[in-house]
Amino acid sequence: MSHTVLREPLLHFVLIGALLFGLSAVFSDTGTEQDEIVVTQSRINHLTAVFERRWQRPPTEPELNRLVDNFVREEVLYREALNLGLDRDDTVIRRRLRMKMEFLARDLVDTIEPEETVLRDYFADNAEHYLDPARFSIRQIYFDRAAHKNPDAVVETARALLWEGLPAAELGDSSLLQSSYKDETIDRLQRVFGQGFTDQLSELPKGEWAGPLQSAYGLHLVLVESASPPQTASFDQVRPSVLRDWQQAEKQKVLESQFENYRSNYQVRIEGDLNNSGTEVALQ
């Protein structure tokens, strides 16, 4: 099988299914009687590796013995709990086991490195999700409503003075806001001024003082120096995001394929009343 074929998305589920089966064989002690607990070498290696990851050193002989003893204790109590049926009708256990099944598939998808053409095709099909946002360069003059009896009149006076040539720096009230913002995204300006402020920016004329605009702080006269609409980003700019999104999409496909494969082994009969008819519903 060639390197290219191994990267084909259609083979992902087959490969992942095989890996899941392999993991199950490594970490379960099968082929023994119900009342026999065999601590295999693979299990000891696993216990050692977990210890080393946590403590950054291998376990001593007494520590390894305690790890094995703890595993045996856990296995005994686990099997007895299953014998007593304690795992049944337990929502927490059911959800935990479901999560573990799904996590196995998701983690294995992360190891797949798709061909560049696969990512580029995904990017082309979803280009609208990879937009370079609209950007604005603006100047602003701030007016504190609480500092003026008639703030609207103050703003109109300032606007008239600007038309007469008075420098903007000599107008407005002091604040921690910058007097100008260069090539800022809508998200950035929204974090500074609030959503209501940014919603109005695209409606303002360029190159002249306009407003007032309301922000979370007060009123503003605004001069839009430049504005650029959203543009589709280049593939190279957003490749890490494309890879992450592609992997997420593949994970969902794998989970659905995995479920459908398992689901085909079961016939479901719903005895409850779903359609107010009082009849049983059988699902294949």
C-alpha atoms as a PDB file:
ATOM      1  CA  MET A   1       0.000   0.000   0.000  1.00  0.00           C
ATOM      2  CA  SER A   2       1.535   3.290  -1.050  1.00  0.00           C
ATOM      3  CA  HIS A   3       2.148   6.279   1.187  1.00  0.00           C
ATOM      4  CA  THR A   4      -0.507   8.266  -0.684  1.00  0.00           C
ATOM      5  CA  VAL A   5      -3.147   5.547  -0.281  1.00  0.00           C
ATOM      6  CA  LEU A   6      -2.481   5.435   3.458  1.00  0.00           C
ATOM      7  CA  ARG A   7      -3.442   9.104   3.644  1.00  0.00           C
ATOM      8  CA  GLU A   8      -6.759   8.684   1.863  1.00  0.00           C
ATOM      9  CA  PRO A   9      -9.574   9.839   4.185  1.00  0.00           C
ATOM     10  CA  LEU A  10     -11.792   6.918   3.159  1.00  0.00           C
ATOM     11  CA  LEU A  11      -9.368   4.520   4.842  1.00  0.00           C
ATOM     12  CA  HIS A  12      -9.317   6.393   8.150  1.00  0.00           C
ATOM     13  CA  PHE A  13     -12.090   4.441   9.796  1.00  0.00           C
ATOM     14  CA  VAL A  14     -10.662   1.095   8.746  1.00  0.00           C
ATOM     15  CA  LEU A  15      -7.244   1.979  10.139  1.00  0.00           C
ATOM     16  CA  ILE A  16      -8.664   3.475  13.308  1.00  0.00           C
ATOM     17  CA  GLY A  17     -10.864   0.441  13.863  1.00  0.00           C
ATOM     18  CA  ALA A  18      -7.813  -1.786  13.607  1.00  0.00           C
ATOM     19  CA  LEU A  19      -5.898   0.417  16.037  1.00  0.00           C
ATOM     20  CA  LEU A  20      -8.776   0.380  18.508  1.00  0.00           C
ATOM     21  CA  PHE A  21      -8.817  -3.414  18.349  1.00  0.00           C
ATOM     22  CA  GLY A  22      -5.059  -3.470  18.905  1.00  0.00           C
ATOM     23  CA  LEU A  23      -5.298  -1.199  21.919  1.00  0.00           C
ATOM     24  CA  SER A  24      -7.977  -3.401  23.391  1.00  0.00           C
ATOM     25  CA  ALA A  25      -5.715  -6.437  22.996  1.00  0.00           C
ATOM     26  CA  VAL A  26      -2.765  -4.711  24.663  1.00  0.00           C
ATOM     27  CA  PHE A  27      -4.551  -3.294  27.695  1.00  0.00           C
ATOM     28  CA  SER A  28      -6.960  -6.106  28.484  1.00  0.00           C
ATOM     29  CA  ASP A  29      -5.926  -9.452  29.890  1.00  0.00           C
ATOM     30  CA  THR A  30      -8.076 -11.712  27.720  1.00  0.00           C
ATOM     31  CA  GLY A  31      -7.969 -15.446  27.216  1.00  0.00           C
ATOM     32  CA  THR A  32      -8.143 -16.164  30.981  1.00  0.00           C
ATOM     33  CA  GLU A  33     -10.880 -17.491  33.197  1.00  0.00           C
ATOM     34  CA  GLN A  34     -13.259 -15.090  34.946  1.00  0.00           C
ATOM     35  CA  ASP A  35     -11.674 -15.803  38.355  1.00  0.00           C
ATOM     36  CA  GLU A  36      -8.089 -15.524  37.140  1.00  0.00           C
ATOM     37  CA  ILE A  37      -6.191 -12.229  37.053  1.00  0.00           C
ATOM     38  CA  VAL A  38      -3.033 -12.307  34.965  1.00  0.00           C
ATOM     39  CA  VAL A  39      -0.691  -9.318  35.176  1.00  0.00           C
ATOM     40  CA  THR A  40       1.007  -9.468  31.810  1.00  0.00           C
ATOM     41  CA  GLN A  41       4.320  -7.878  30.877  1.00  0.00           C
ATOM     42  CA  SER A  42       2.450  -5.338  28.735  1.00  0.00           C
ATOM     43  CA  ARG A  43       0.436  -4.344  31.809  1.00  0.00           C
ATOM     44  CA  ILE A  44       3.599  -3.942  33.904  1.00  0.00           C
ATOM     45  CA  ASN A  45       5.162  -1.863  31.140  1.00  0.00           C
ATOM     46  CA  HIS A  46       2.047   0.314  31.064  1.00  0.00           C
ATOM     47  CA  LEU A  47       2.062   0.830  34.842  1.00  0.00           C
ATOM     48  CA  THR A  48       5.759   1.721  34.675  1.00  0.00           C
ATOM     49  CA  ALA A  49       5.248   4.193  31.847  1.00  0.00           C
ATOM     50  CA  VAL A  50       2.397   5.954  33.687  1.00  0.00           C
ATOM     51  CA  PHE A  51       4.586   6.250  36.807  1.00  0.00           C
ATOM     52  CA  GLU A  52       7.504   7.640  34.783  1.00  0.00           C
ATOM     53  CA  ARG A  53       5.325  10.282  33.109  1.00  0.00           C
ATOM     54  CA  ARG A  54       4.133  11.486  36.488  1.00  0.00           C
ATOM     55  CA  TRP A  55       7.385  11.364  38.490  1.00  0.00           C
ATOM     56  CA  GLN A  56       9.976  11.728  35.706  1.00  0.00           C
ATOM     57  CA  ARG A  57      11.805   8.587  36.861  1.00  0.00           C
ATOM     58  CA  PRO A  58      11.249   4.822  36.783  1.00  0.00           C
ATOM     59  CA  PRO A  59       9.658   3.221  39.862  1.00  0.00           C
ATOM     60  CA  THR A  60      11.766   1.396  42.401  1.00  0.00           C
ATOM     61  CA  GLU A  61      11.109  -2.289  42.982  1.00  0.00           C
ATOM     62  CA  PRO A  62       8.898  -1.655  46.060  1.00  0.00           C
ATOM     63  CA  GLU A  63       7.025   1.054  44.166  1.00  0.00           C
ATOM     64  CA  LEU A  64       6.435  -1.244  41.213  1.00  0.00           C
ATOM     65  CA  ASN A  65       5.181  -3.956  43.569  1.00  0.00           C
ATOM     66  CA  ARG A  66       2.718  -1.468  45.055  1.00  0.00           C
ATOM     67  CA  LEU A  67       1.569  -0.464  41.565  1.00  0.00           C
ATOM     68  CA  VAL A  68       0.891  -4.121  40.718  1.00  0.00           C
ATOM     69  CA  ASP A  69      -0.876  -4.691  44.048  1.00  0.00           C
ATOM     70  CA  ASN A  70      -3.045  -1.658  43.424  1.00  0.00           C
ATOM     71  CA  PHE A  71      -3.905  -2.884  39.925  1.00  0.00           C
ATOM     72  CA  VAL A  72      -4.889  -6.313  41.301  1.00  0.00           C
ATOM     73  CA  ARG A  73      -7.026  -4.692  44.007  1.00  0.00           C
ATOM     74  CA  GLU A  74      -8.711  -2.475  41.402  1.00  0.00           C
ATOM     75  CA  GLU A  75      -9.291  -5.431  39.067  1.00  0.00           C
ATOM     76  CA  VAL A  76     -10.810  -7.574  41.815  1.00  0.00           C
ATOM     77  CA  LEU A  77     -13.203  -4.863  42.932  1.00  0.00           C
ATOM     78  CA  TYR A  78     -14.020  -3.981  39.319  1.00  0.00           C
ATOM     79  CA  ARG A  79     -14.963  -7.575  38.460  1.00  0.00           C
ATOM     80  CA  GLU A  80     -17.008  -7.977  41.618  1.00  0.00           C
ATOM     81  CA  ALA A  81     -18.821  -4.718  40.877  1.00  0.00           C
ATOM     82  CA  LEU A  82     -19.668  -6.054  37.403  1.00  0.00           C
ATOM     83  CA  ASN A  83     -20.873  -9.339  38.976  1.00  0.00           C
ATOM     84  CA  LEU A  84     -23.195  -7.338  41.215  1.00  0.00           C
ATOM     85  CA  GLY A  85     -24.435  -5.326  38.236  1.00  0.00           C
ATOM     86  CA  LEU A  86     -23.318  -2.034  39.751  1.00  0.00           C
ATOM     87  CA  ASP A  87     -22.474  -0.683  36.296  1.00  0.00           C
ATOM     88  CA  ARG A  88     -26.070  -1.004  35.110  1.00  0.00           C
ATOM     89  CA  ASP A  89     -28.400   1.980  35.064  1.00  0.00           C
ATOM     90  CA  ASP A  90     -25.591   4.234  36.278  1.00  0.00           C
ATOM     91  CA  THR A  91     -25.674   7.390  34.171  1.00  0.00           C
ATOM     92  CA  VAL A  92     -22.195   8.513  35.223  1.00  0.00           C
ATOM     93  CA  ILE A  93     -20.574   5.195  34.279  1.00  0.00           C
ATOM     94  CA  ARG A  94     -22.480   4.971  31.004  1.00  0.00           C
ATOM     95  CA  ARG A  95     -21.426   8.469  29.964  1.00  0.00           C
ATOM     96  CA  ARG A  96     -17.845   7.875  31.042  1.00  0.00           C
ATOM     97  CA  LEU A  97     -17.599   4.721  28.940  1.00  0.00           C
ATOM     98  CA  ARG A  98     -19.155   6.502  25.965  1.00  0.00           C
ATOM     99  CA  MET A  99     -16.619   9.310  26.335  1.00  0.00           C
ATOM    100  CA  LYS A 100     -13.737   6.836  26.444  1.00  0.00           C
ATOM    101  CA  MET A 101     -14.926   5.161  23.253  1.00  0.00           C
ATOM    102  CA  GLU A 102     -15.183   8.518  21.492  1.00  0.00           C
ATOM    103  CA  PHE A 103     -11.863   9.798  22.854  1.00  0.00           C
ATOM    104  CA  LEU A 104     -10.047   6.770  21.458  1.00  0.00           C
ATOM    105  CA  ALA A 105     -11.302   7.525  17.963  1.00  0.00           C
ATOM    106  CA  ARG A 106     -10.629  11.258  18.262  1.00  0.00           C
ATOM    107  CA  ASP A 107      -7.076  10.834  19.539  1.00  0.00           C
ATOM    108  CA  LEU A 108      -6.229   8.470  16.713  1.00  0.00           C
ATOM    109  CA  VAL A 109      -7.525  10.915  14.083  1.00  0.00           C
ATOM    110  CA  ASP A 110      -5.029  13.478  15.400  1.00  0.00           C
ATOM    111  CA  THR A 111      -2.199  11.202  14.275  1.00  0.00           C
ATOM    112  CA  ILE A 112      -3.323  11.333  10.626  1.00  0.00           C
ATOM    113  CA  GLU A 113      -1.471  13.859   8.464  1.00  0.00           C
ATOM    114  CA  PRO A 114      -3.516  14.470   5.319  1.00  0.00           C
ATOM    115  CA  GLU A 115      -2.067  15.224   1.910  1.00  0.00           C
ATOM    116  CA  GLU A 116      -1.714  18.925   1.134  1.00  0.00           C
ATOM    117  CA  THR A 117      -4.278  18.603  -1.652  1.00  0.00           C
ATOM    118  CA  VAL A 118      -6.830  17.270   0.851  1.00  0.00           C
ATOM    119  CA  LEU A 119      -6.389  20.346   3.039  1.00  0.00           C
ATOM    120  CA  ARG A 120      -6.514  22.712   0.083  1.00  0.00           C
ATOM    121  CA  ASP A 121      -9.745  21.107  -1.138  1.00  0.00           C
ATOM    122  CA  TYR A 122     -11.219  21.444   2.351  1.00  0.00           C
ATOM    123  CA  PHE A 123     -10.135  25.087   2.449  1.00  0.00           C
ATOM    124  CA  ALA A 124     -11.734  25.767  -0.945  1.00  0.00           C
ATOM    125  CA  ASP A 125     -15.002  24.160   0.133  1.00  0.00           C
ATOM    126  CA  ASN A 126     -15.101  26.199   3.350  1.00  0.00           C
ATOM    127  CA  ALA A 127     -13.445  29.454   2.296  1.00  0.00           C
ATOM    128  CA  GLU A 128     -16.194  31.543   3.902  1.00  0.00           C
ATOM    129  CA  HIS A 129     -14.978  30.390   7.324  1.00  0.00           C
ATOM    130  CA  TYR A 130     -11.484  31.777   6.745  1.00  0.00           C
ATOM    131  CA  LEU A 131     -12.021  35.483   6.244  1.00  0.00           C
ATOM    132  CA  ASP A 132      -9.536  38.192   7.080  1.00  0.00           C
ATOM    133  CA  PRO A 133     -11.925  40.460   9.050  1.00  0.00           C
ATOM    134  CA  ALA A 134     -12.832  44.001   8.135  1.00  0.00           C
ATOM    135  CA  ARG A 135     -10.280  46.552   9.338  1.00  0.00           C
ATOM    136  CA  PHE A 136     -10.559  50.240  10.190  1.00  0.00           C
ATOM    137  CA  SER A 137      -8.185  53.084  10.876  1.00  0.00           C
ATOM    138  CA  ILE A 138     -10.020  55.750  12.849  1.00  0.00           C
ATOM    139  CA  ARG A 139      -9.526  58.870  14.910  1.00  0.00           C
ATOM    140  CA  GLN A 140     -11.947  59.649  17.715  1.00  0.00           C
ATOM    141  CA  ILE A 141     -12.832  62.465  20.116  1.00  0.00           C
ATOM    142  CA  TYR A 142     -14.463  61.400  23.358  1.00  0.00           C
ATOM    143  CA  PHE A 143     -17.199  63.249  25.248  1.00  0.00           C
ATOM    144  CA  ASP A 144     -18.232  62.268  28.776  1.00  0.00           C
ATOM    145  CA  ARG A 145     -22.019  62.570  29.082  1.00  0.00           C
ATOM    146  CA  ALA A 146     -21.846  62.963  32.853  1.00  0.00           C
ATOM    147  CA  ALA A 147     -19.472  65.920  32.561  1.00  0.00           C
ATOM    148  CA  HIS A 148     -21.894  68.118  30.576  1.00  0.00           C
ATOM    149  CA  LYS A 149     -25.423  69.331  31.212  1.00  0.00           C
ATOM    150  CA  ASN A 150     -26.144  69.190  27.480  1.00  0.00           C
ATOM    151  CA  PRO A 151     -23.630  66.762  25.939  1.00  0.00           C
ATOM    152  CA  ASP A 152     -25.342  66.757  22.537  1.00  0.00           C
ATOM    153  CA  ALA A 153     -24.859  70.512  22.245  1.00  0.00           C
ATOM    154  CA  VAL A 154     -21.204  70.163  23.263  1.00  0.00           C
ATOM    155  CA  VAL A 155     -20.668  67.590  20.516  1.00  0.00           C
ATOM    156  CA  GLU A 156     -22.298  69.821  17.895  1.00  0.00           C
ATOM    157  CA  THR A 157     -20.117  72.747  18.950  1.00  0.00           C
ATOM    158  CA  ALA A 158     -17.013  70.577  18.677  1.00  0.00           C
ATOM    159  CA  ARG A 159     -18.056  69.441  15.217  1.00  0.00           C
ATOM    160  CA  ALA A 160     -18.404  73.067  14.083  1.00  0.00           C
ATOM    161  CA  LEU A 161     -14.982  73.923  15.509  1.00  0.00           C
ATOM    162  CA  LEU A 162     -13.439  71.006  13.623  1.00  0.00           C
ATOM    163  CA  TRP A 163     -14.887  72.359  10.370  1.00  0.00           C
ATOM    164  CA  GLU A 164     -13.291  75.702  11.212  1.00  0.00           C
ATOM    165  CA  GLY A 165      -9.901  74.012  11.528  1.00  0.00           C
ATOM    166  CA  LEU A 166      -9.465  73.629  15.292  1.00  0.00           C
ATOM    167  CA  PRO A 167      -7.158  70.653  16.012  1.00  0.00           C
ATOM    168  CA  ALA A 168      -8.948  67.573  17.308  1.00  0.00           C
ATOM    169  CA  ALA A 169      -6.464  67.291  20.189  1.00  0.00           C
ATOM    170  CA  GLU A 170      -7.926  70.471  21.688  1.00  0.00           C
ATOM    171  CA  LEU A 171     -11.459  69.074  21.848  1.00  0.00           C
ATOM    172  CA  GLY A 172     -13.247  66.459  23.914  1.00  0.00           C
ATOM    173  CA  ASP A 173     -12.792  65.106  27.425  1.00  0.00           C
ATOM    174  CA  SER A 174      -9.830  63.234  28.803  1.00  0.00           C
ATOM    175  CA  SER A 175      -9.946  59.429  28.975  1.00  0.00           C
ATOM    176  CA  LEU A 176      -7.755  56.369  28.770  1.00  0.00           C
ATOM    177  CA  LEU A 177      -8.905  55.758  25.196  1.00  0.00           C
ATOM    178  CA  GLN A 178      -6.459  56.329  22.354  1.00  0.00           C
ATOM    179  CA  SER A 179      -7.147  59.216  20.028  1.00  0.00           C
ATOM    180  CA  SER A 180      -6.464  57.001  17.004  1.00  0.00           C
ATOM    181  CA  TYR A 181      -6.574  53.311  16.117  1.00  0.00           C
ATOM    182  CA  LYS A 182      -4.683  52.033  13.079  1.00  0.00           C
ATOM    183  CA  ASP A 183      -5.697  49.004  10.991  1.00  0.00           C
ATOM    184  CA  GLU A 184      -7.766  47.467  13.778  1.00  0.00           C
ATOM    185  CA  THR A 185     -10.226  44.602  13.300  1.00  0.00           C
ATOM    186  CA  ILE A 186     -13.879  44.945  14.177  1.00  0.00           C
ATOM    187  CA  ASP A 187     -13.360  42.460  17.025  1.00  0.00           C
ATOM    188  CA  ARG A 188     -10.604  44.582  18.515  1.00  0.00           C
ATOM    189  CA  LEU A 189     -12.604  47.804  18.259  1.00  0.00           C
ATOM    190  CA  GLN A 190     -15.636  46.031  19.670  1.00  0.00           C
ATOM    191  CA  ARG A 191     -13.647  44.954  22.722  1.00  0.00           C
ATOM    192  CA  VAL A 192     -12.562  48.567  23.251  1.00  0.00           C
ATOM    193  CA  PHE A 193     -15.774  50.485  22.522  1.00  0.00           C
ATOM    194  CA  GLY A 194     -18.593  47.922  22.572  1.00  0.00           C
ATOM    195  CA  GLN A 195     -20.710  46.359  19.840  1.00  0.00           C
ATOM    196  CA  GLY A 196     -23.035  49.307  19.311  1.00  0.00           C
ATOM    197  CA  PHE A 197     -20.087  51.495  18.408  1.00  0.00           C
ATOM    198  CA  THR A 198     -18.641  49.146  15.790  1.00  0.00           C
ATOM    199  CA  ASP A 199     -22.030  48.472  14.190  1.00  0.00           C
ATOM    200  CA  GLN A 200     -22.090  52.103  13.085  1.00  0.00           C
ATOM    201  CA  LEU A 201     -18.575  52.352  11.656  1.00  0.00           C
ATOM    202  CA  SER A 202     -19.332  50.890   8.225  1.00  0.00           C
ATOM    203  CA  GLU A 203     -22.050  53.521   7.710  1.00  0.00           C
ATOM    204  CA  LEU A 204     -19.758  56.510   8.288  1.00  0.00           C
ATOM    205  CA  PRO A 205     -18.247  58.495   5.404  1.00  0.00           C
ATOM    206  CA  LYS A 206     -14.481  58.339   4.967  1.00  0.00           C
ATOM    207  CA  GLY A 207     -12.217  61.303   5.499  1.00  0.00           C
ATOM    208  CA  GLU A 208     -14.544  63.514   7.535  1.00  0.00           C
ATOM    209  CA  TRP A 209     -15.612  63.834  11.144  1.00  0.00           C
ATOM    210  CA  ALA A 210     -19.003  62.244  11.775  1.00  0.00           C
ATOM    211  CA  GLY A 211     -21.191  61.178  14.638  1.00  0.00           C
ATOM    212  CA  PRO A 212     -21.779  61.263  17.442  1.00  0.00           C
ATOM    213  CA  LEU A 213     -21.421  57.521  17.998  1.00  0.00           C
ATOM    214  CA  GLN A 214     -22.484  55.991  21.293  1.00  0.00           C
ATOM    215  CA  SER A 215     -20.035  53.650  23.041  1.00  0.00           C
ATOM    216  CA  ALA A 216     -19.831  51.983  26.433  1.00  0.00           C
ATOM    217  CA  TYR A 217     -18.072  55.134  27.684  1.00  0.00           C
ATOM    218  CA  GLY A 218     -20.064  57.977  26.156  1.00  0.00           C
ATOM    219  CA  LEU A 219     -20.206  59.910  22.886  1.00  0.00           C
ATOM    220  CA  HIS A 220     -17.595  60.109  20.127  1.00  0.00           C
ATOM    221  CA  LEU A 221     -16.945  62.087  17.015  1.00  0.00           C
ATOM    222  CA  VAL A 222     -15.196  59.716  14.615  1.00  0.00           C
ATOM    223  CA  LEU A 223     -13.112  60.192  11.495  1.00  0.00           C
ATOM    224  CA  VAL A 224     -12.717  57.032   9.398  1.00  0.00           C
ATOM    225  CA  GLU A 225      -9.329  57.291   7.703  1.00  0.00           C
ATOM    226  CA  SER A 226      -9.490  53.921   5.949  1.00  0.00           C
ATOM    227  CA  ALA A 227     -11.714  50.842   5.882  1.00  0.00           C
ATOM    228  CA  SER A 228     -11.231  47.476   4.207  1.00  0.00           C
ATOM    229  CA  PRO A 229     -14.012  44.864   3.903  1.00  0.00           C
ATOM    230  CA  PRO A 230     -13.573  41.218   4.942  1.00  0.00           C
ATOM    231  CA  GLN A 231     -11.384  39.294   2.514  1.00  0.00           C
ATOM    232  CA  THR A 232     -10.755  35.607   2.040  1.00  0.00           C
ATOM    233  CA  ALA A 233      -7.460  34.690   3.663  1.00  0.00           C
ATOM    234  CA  SER A 234      -4.790  32.836   1.730  1.00  0.00           C
ATOM    235  CA  PHE A 235      -4.384  29.125   2.436  1.00  0.00           C
ATOM    236  CA  ASP A 236      -0.860  29.578   3.800  1.00  0.00           C
ATOM    237  CA  GLN A 237      -2.091  32.159   6.318  1.00  0.00           C
ATOM    238  CA  VAL A 238      -4.680  29.866   7.856  1.00  0.00           C
ATOM    239  CA  ARG A 239      -3.226  26.393   7.225  1.00  0.00           C
ATOM    240  CA  PRO A 240      -3.014  25.497  10.976  1.00  0.00           C
ATOM    241  CA  SER A 241      -6.687  26.410  11.396  1.00  0.00           C
ATOM    242  CA  VAL A 242      -7.625  24.453   8.260  1.00  0.00           C
ATOM    243  CA  LEU A 243      -5.801  21.373   9.571  1.00  0.00           C
ATOM    244  CA  ARG A 244      -7.504  21.676  12.956  1.00  0.00           C
ATOM    245  CA  ASP A 245     -10.946  22.088  11.375  1.00  0.00           C
ATOM    246  CA  TRP A 246     -10.341  19.227   8.921  1.00  0.00           C
ATOM    247  CA  GLN A 247      -9.341  16.951  11.809  1.00  0.00           C
ATOM    248  CA  GLN A 248     -12.463  17.957  13.720  1.00  0.00           C
ATOM    249  CA  ALA A 249     -14.645  17.169  10.716  1.00  0.00           C
ATOM    250  CA  GLU A 250     -12.905  13.811  10.251  1.00  0.00           C
ATOM    251  CA  LYS A 251     -13.371  12.998  13.930  1.00  0.00           C
ATOM    252  CA  GLN A 252     -17.093  13.502  13.565  1.00  0.00           C
ATOM    253  CA  LYS A 253     -17.158  11.288  10.487  1.00  0.00           C
ATOM    254  CA  VAL A 254     -15.211   8.582  12.312  1.00  0.00           C
ATOM    255  CA  LEU A 255     -17.499   8.756  15.336  1.00  0.00           C
ATOM    256  CA  GLU A 256     -20.579   8.435  13.144  1.00  0.00           C
ATOM    257  CA  SER A 257     -19.061   5.541  11.165  1.00  0.00           C
ATOM    258  CA  GLN A 258     -17.961   3.871  14.385  1.00  0.00           C
ATOM    259  CA  PHE A 259     -21.445   4.189  15.874  1.00  0.00           C
ATOM    260  CA  GLU A 260     -23.222   2.971  12.749  1.00  0.00           C
ATOM    261  CA  ASN A 261     -20.910  -0.040  12.619  1.00  0.00           C
ATOM    262  CA  TYR A 262     -21.640  -0.924  16.257  1.00  0.00           C
ATOM    263  CA  ARG A 263     -25.326  -0.030  15.881  1.00  0.00           C
ATOM    264  CA  SER A 264     -25.766  -2.608  13.129  1.00  0.00           C
ATOM    265  CA  ASN A 265     -25.154  -5.330  15.753  1.00  0.00           C
ATOM    266  CA  TYR A 266     -28.237  -4.372  17.742  1.00  0.00           C
ATOM    267  CA  GLN A 267     -31.973  -4.408  17.284  1.00  0.00           C
ATOM    268  CA  VAL A 268     -33.650  -1.736  19.382  1.00  0.00           C
ATOM    269  CA  ARG A 269     -37.223  -2.075  20.639  1.00  0.00           C
ATOM    270  CA  ILE A 270     -38.793   0.969  22.248  1.00  0.00           C
ATOM    271  CA  GLU A 271     -41.619  -0.081  24.554  1.00  0.00           C
ATOM    272  CA  GLY A 272     -42.430   3.446  25.688  1.00  0.00           C
ATOM    273  CA  ASP A 273     -45.145   5.600  24.133  1.00  0.00           C
ATOM    274  CA  LEU A 274     -43.446   7.926  21.605  1.00  0.00           C
ATOM    275  CA  ASN A 275     -46.410   8.609  19.338  1.00  0.00           C
ATOM    276  CA  ASN A 276     -49.300   8.447  21.788  1.00  0.00           C
ATOM    277  CA  SER A 277     -50.531   5.295  20.048  1.00  0.00           C
ATOM    278  CA  GLY A 278     -49.648   2.917  22.851  1.00  0.00           C
ATOM    279  CA  THR A 279     -47.904   0.563  20.403  1.00  0.00           C
ATOM    280  CA  GLU A 280     -44.400  -0.784  20.533  1.00  0.00           C
ATOM    281  CA  VAL A 281     -41.865   0.647  18.119  1.00  0.00           C
ATOM    282  CA  ALA A 282     -39.106  -1.597  16.782  1.00  0.00           C
ATOM    283  CA  LEU A 283     -35.971   0.001  15.364  1.00  0.00           C
ATOM    284  CA  GLN A 284     -33.728  -2.074  13.161  1.00  0.00           C
END
